Amino acid sequence: MRILIVPVLLCGFALSQEAAKSNSSPALSSSHPSNANEITIPAGTKVPVALKNTISTKANHEGDPVYAQTTFPVVVNDKILIPAGTYVQGRIVQIKPAGRIKNRAEVLMHFTTLIYPSGYTVVLPGALDNAPGVDRGSVKDKEGTIRADSNAGHKVGAVAVPAAEIGTAGGALATRSLGGAIGGGLVGVAAASGIALLATRGPEVKITPGTTLEVILQRDVPIDSSRISATATADRR
């Protein structure tokens, strides 16, 4: 009887070891799950959008929201990863109204969120790459700052004032960088005619709804392809 007990105990120990190995395998694989639906939109991808709200350097402030909508599908490896009609949300990071003589108006926007027609929301690290639809303004740097065009040739305005105030207005103008011809000759003409020359502000940046912009992704954006819809169309109204 003693001879039979030892083999039985050894067999039981071996079976318990095999069971422990089989139970540990699923736990190991579950700690490294693989998502077959995950696709990456690579950094550098350009997304064409149309603005949905008005942005103005005269009326808006830092932190104000920016709303846009994609106008054309973004395709990667024969798959539509951002369908037309997808919403893009962002905010104004910096804004500067136009000044007198110098300091052109500027606005910097960052795009932060992509909202698919299905409601699926993705973090979007996007910057403005091009602004073909912006009138009297252009993108000046890699950050995506839109700067108003130069106001050269349109910096001087004329208003009628009492003759006693001409000297003060002329002296103030002469200290600015409009050149000797304007600071001297024109001020003299103004003094003789009772007109004061005043420097006017440069043009503001104003981007109206429907303006076309081009957003560029600054980093890779992983998305779940099972949660997007490619059936949306851009709202052009």
Protein backbone atom coordinates (compact mmCIF):
# COMPACT_ATOMS: atom_id res chain seq x y z
CA MET A 1 0.00 0.00 0.00
CA ARG A 2 2.82 2.41 0.78
CA ILE A 3 4.38 1.79 -2.65
CA LEU A 4 1.12 2.84 -4.41
CA ILE A 5 0.59 6.04 -2.39
CA VAL A 6 3.80 7.75 -3.56
CA PRO A 7 3.06 7.56 -7.34
CA VAL A 8 -0.47 8.84 -6.75
CA LEU A 9 0.85 11.84 -4.85
CA LEU A 10 3.37 12.58 -7.61
CA CYS A 11 0.66 12.45 -10.29
CA GLY A 12 -1.54 14.83 -8.29
CA PHE A 13 1.33 17.32 -7.93
CA ALA A 14 2.02 17.24 -11.70
CA LEU A 15 -1.64 17.82 -12.56
CA SER A 16 -1.80 20.82 -10.21
CA GLN A 17 1.27 22.35 -11.89
CA GLU A 18 -0.31 21.99 -15.35
CA ALA A 19 -3.54 23.59 -14.13
CA ALA A 20 -1.63 26.54 -12.70
CA LYS A 21 0.14 27.12 -16.04
CA SER A 22 -3.09 26.97 -18.03
CA ASN A 23 -4.78 29.43 -15.66
CA SER A 24 -1.92 31.93 -15.84
CA SER A 25 -1.86 32.14 -19.65
CA PRO A 26 -5.15 34.07 -20.12
CA ALA A 27 -4.13 36.54 -17.42
CA LEU A 28 -0.86 37.26 -19.23
CA SER A 29 -2.52 37.83 -22.59
CA SER A 30 -5.26 40.02 -21.14
CA SER A 31 -2.66 42.39 -19.70
CA HIS A 32 -1.58 43.30 -23.27
CA PRO A 33 -4.84 43.69 -25.23
CA SER A 34 -4.67 44.44 -28.94
CA ASN A 35 -7.23 46.73 -30.61
CA ALA A 36 -7.66 45.63 -34.20
CA ASN A 37 -9.83 48.70 -34.89
CA GLU A 38 -7.23 51.29 -33.89
CA ILE A 39 -5.91 53.41 -36.79
CA THR A 40 -3.53 56.34 -36.60
CA ILE A 41 -3.99 59.62 -38.45
CA PRO A 42 -0.35 60.64 -38.94
CA ALA A 43 1.13 63.95 -37.87
CA GLY A 44 1.31 66.40 -40.76
CA THR A 45 -2.10 65.41 -42.14
CA LYS A 46 -3.99 68.46 -43.42
CA VAL A 47 -7.69 68.84 -42.70
CA PRO A 48 -9.72 71.35 -44.74
CA VAL A 49 -12.41 73.09 -42.71
CA ALA A 50 -14.90 75.94 -42.96
CA LEU A 51 -15.40 78.30 -40.02
CA LYS A 52 -18.82 78.27 -38.35
CA ASN A 53 -18.54 81.39 -36.16
CA THR A 54 -17.10 84.87 -36.65
CA ILE A 55 -13.60 85.59 -35.33
CA SER A 56 -12.54 89.23 -35.03
CA THR A 57 -9.50 90.86 -33.45
CA LYS A 58 -11.74 93.77 -32.54
CA ALA A 59 -14.51 91.83 -30.78
CA ASN A 60 -13.05 88.51 -29.57
CA HIS A 61 -10.81 87.68 -26.63
CA GLU A 62 -8.34 85.00 -25.59
CA GLY A 63 -10.12 81.79 -24.63
CA ASP A 64 -13.12 82.36 -26.92
CA PRO A 65 -14.26 79.18 -28.72
CA VAL A 66 -13.69 78.44 -32.39
CA TYR A 67 -16.11 76.20 -34.30
CA ALA A 68 -15.48 74.69 -37.73
CA GLN A 69 -16.54 71.77 -39.92
CA THR A 70 -14.56 69.63 -42.36
CA THR A 71 -15.35 70.27 -46.01
CA PHE A 72 -13.65 67.25 -47.62
CA PRO A 73 -12.94 63.71 -46.38
CA VAL A 74 -9.44 62.86 -45.11
CA VAL A 75 -8.31 59.51 -46.51
CA VAL A 76 -5.40 57.40 -45.23
CA ASN A 77 -4.54 54.04 -46.84
CA ASP A 78 -7.80 53.97 -48.82
CA LYS A 79 -9.89 54.53 -45.67
CA ILE A 80 -11.89 57.63 -44.79
CA LEU A 81 -10.65 58.54 -41.33
CA ILE A 82 -12.24 62.00 -41.12
CA PRO A 83 -15.46 62.26 -43.18
CA ALA A 84 -16.70 65.55 -44.57
CA GLY A 85 -19.04 67.19 -42.10
CA THR A 86 -17.04 66.27 -39.01
CA TYR A 87 -16.99 69.06 -36.43
CA VAL A 88 -13.74 70.64 -35.28
CA GLN A 89 -13.56 72.69 -32.10
CA GLY A 90 -10.80 74.97 -30.86
CA ARG A 91 -10.10 78.20 -29.00
CA ILE A 92 -8.36 81.54 -29.41
CA VAL A 93 -4.92 81.38 -27.76
CA GLN A 94 -3.67 84.91 -28.51
CA ILE A 95 -5.32 87.95 -30.03
CA LYS A 96 -4.09 91.49 -30.70
CA PRO A 97 -6.18 94.33 -32.15
CA ALA A 98 -4.69 96.69 -34.70
CA GLY A 99 -2.69 99.67 -33.44
CA ARG A 100 -1.84 103.05 -34.87
CA ILE A 101 1.20 103.35 -37.20
CA LYS A 102 2.44 99.86 -36.25
CA ASN A 103 1.30 96.70 -34.42
CA ARG A 104 -0.74 94.86 -37.02
CA ALA A 105 -3.76 92.88 -35.83
CA GLU A 106 -3.08 89.19 -35.11
CA VAL A 107 -5.01 86.15 -33.93
CA LEU A 108 -3.73 82.67 -33.03
CA MET A 109 -6.12 79.72 -32.85
CA HIS A 110 -5.48 76.15 -31.71
CA PHE A 111 -7.78 73.28 -32.63
CA THR A 112 -8.35 70.77 -29.85
CA THR A 113 -11.29 68.45 -30.54
CA LEU A 114 -12.66 66.34 -33.38
CA ILE A 115 -16.34 65.37 -33.12
CA TYR A 116 -17.54 62.66 -35.52
CA PRO A 117 -21.14 62.44 -36.81
CA SER A 118 -21.61 59.38 -34.57
CA GLY A 119 -20.74 61.47 -31.50
CA TYR A 120 -17.31 59.89 -31.14
CA THR A 121 -14.92 62.56 -29.80
CA VAL A 122 -11.14 62.62 -30.29
CA VAL A 123 -8.44 64.93 -28.92
CA LEU A 124 -7.05 66.90 -31.85
CA PRO A 125 -3.62 68.62 -31.62
CA GLY A 126 -4.17 70.94 -34.60
CA ALA A 127 -2.72 74.26 -35.75
CA LEU A 128 -3.68 76.56 -38.60
CA ASP A 129 -1.49 75.84 -41.63
CA ASN A 130 -3.12 78.01 -44.28
CA ALA A 131 -5.94 80.52 -44.51
CA PRO A 132 -6.81 80.89 -48.19
CA GLY A 133 -10.24 82.31 -47.45
CA VAL A 134 -9.12 85.09 -45.11
CA ASP A 135 -9.43 88.54 -46.69
CA ARG A 136 -6.60 91.04 -46.02
CA GLY A 137 -4.68 88.60 -43.84
CA SER A 138 -2.31 85.62 -44.01
CA VAL A 139 -0.60 83.00 -41.82
CA LYS A 140 2.76 84.42 -40.69
CA ASP A 141 4.42 81.53 -38.78
CA LYS A 142 4.41 77.79 -38.02
CA GLU A 143 2.20 78.35 -35.00
CA GLY A 144 -0.60 79.44 -37.31
CA THR A 145 -0.87 83.12 -36.38
CA ILE A 146 -3.04 85.10 -38.79
CA ARG A 147 -1.74 88.65 -39.26
CA ALA A 148 -3.54 91.49 -41.01
CA ASP A 149 -2.02 92.91 -44.17
CA SER A 150 0.12 96.04 -43.97
CA ASN A 151 -1.75 99.34 -43.82
CA ALA A 152 0.95 101.24 -45.71
CA GLY A 153 -0.44 104.19 -47.63
CA HIS A 154 -3.58 104.39 -45.50
CA LYS A 155 -2.26 105.56 -42.14
CA VAL A 156 -3.24 109.20 -42.22
CA GLY A 157 -6.72 110.59 -41.71
CA ALA A 158 -7.91 114.20 -41.70
CA VAL A 159 -10.36 115.82 -39.32
CA ALA A 160 -11.37 119.49 -38.95
CA VAL A 161 -10.35 120.96 -35.58
CA PRO A 162 -9.93 124.48 -34.16
CA ALA A 163 -6.72 126.20 -35.24
CA ALA A 164 -5.44 126.31 -31.64
CA GLU A 165 -5.26 122.50 -31.58
CA ILE A 166 -3.34 122.15 -34.84
CA GLY A 167 0.04 122.64 -33.19
CA THR A 168 -0.59 119.89 -30.68
CA ALA A 169 -1.81 117.43 -33.31
CA GLY A 170 1.02 118.30 -35.68
CA GLY A 171 3.67 117.94 -32.99
CA ALA A 172 2.34 114.56 -31.98
CA LEU A 173 2.33 113.37 -35.57
CA ALA A 174 5.83 114.61 -36.24
CA THR A 175 7.21 112.37 -33.50
CA ARG A 176 5.89 109.26 -35.24
CA SER A 177 7.63 107.32 -37.99
CA LEU A 178 5.71 108.62 -41.00
CA GLY A 179 8.74 110.31 -42.56
CA GLY A 180 9.81 113.91 -42.91
CA ALA A 181 7.54 114.64 -45.83
CA ILE A 182 4.39 113.80 -43.92
CA GLY A 183 5.60 115.12 -40.55
CA GLY A 184 6.67 118.43 -42.06
CA GLY A 185 5.00 119.38 -45.31
CA LEU A 186 1.56 117.94 -44.68
CA VAL A 187 1.38 119.31 -41.16
CA GLY A 188 2.13 122.75 -42.59
CA VAL A 189 -0.69 122.41 -45.09
CA ALA A 190 -3.00 121.24 -42.33
CA ALA A 191 -2.13 124.24 -40.16
CA ALA A 192 -2.96 126.62 -42.99
CA SER A 193 -6.30 124.98 -43.73
CA GLY A 194 -7.50 124.23 -40.21
CA ILE A 195 -7.23 120.46 -40.60
CA ALA A 196 -5.40 118.08 -38.24
CA LEU A 197 -3.77 114.93 -39.58
CA LEU A 198 -4.29 111.88 -37.38
CA ALA A 199 -2.88 108.39 -37.78
CA THR A 200 -5.65 105.83 -38.27
CA ARG A 201 -5.65 102.28 -37.00
CA GLY A 202 -4.64 99.46 -39.31
CA PRO A 203 -7.10 96.83 -40.56
CA GLU A 204 -8.47 94.26 -38.14
CA VAL A 205 -8.53 90.52 -38.82
CA LYS A 206 -12.14 89.41 -39.32
CA ILE A 207 -12.93 85.84 -40.33
CA THR A 208 -16.58 85.24 -41.17
CA PRO A 209 -18.57 81.97 -41.16
CA GLY A 210 -17.89 79.88 -44.25
CA THR A 211 -14.27 81.04 -44.55
CA THR A 212 -12.04 78.15 -45.65
CA LEU A 213 -9.06 77.22 -43.47
CA GLU A 214 -6.53 74.39 -43.46
CA VAL A 215 -5.67 72.66 -40.18
CA ILE A 216 -2.51 70.54 -39.81
CA LEU A 217 -2.10 67.81 -37.19
CA GLN A 218 0.91 68.42 -34.95
CA ARG A 219 1.02 64.86 -33.57
CA ASP A 220 -0.26 61.39 -34.48
CA VAL A 221 -3.95 60.92 -33.63
CA PRO A 222 -5.07 57.35 -32.80
CA ILE A 223 -8.74 56.66 -33.48
CA ASP A 224 -11.10 53.70 -33.21
CA SER A 225 -12.28 53.01 -36.76
CA SER A 226 -15.36 51.14 -35.50
CA ARG A 227 -16.71 54.34 -33.93
CA ILE A 228 -16.51 56.70 -36.91
CA SER A 229 -18.99 57.20 -39.70
CA ALA A 230 -18.09 58.11 -43.28
CA THR A 231 -21.64 58.99 -44.32
CA ALA A 232 -21.75 62.60 -43.12
CA THR A 233 -21.69 65.52 -45.56
CA ALA A 234 -20.51 69.05 -44.89
CA ASP A 235 -23.17 71.59 -44.00
CA ARG A 236 -22.57 74.43 -46.48
CA ARG A 237 -25.52 76.55 -45.47
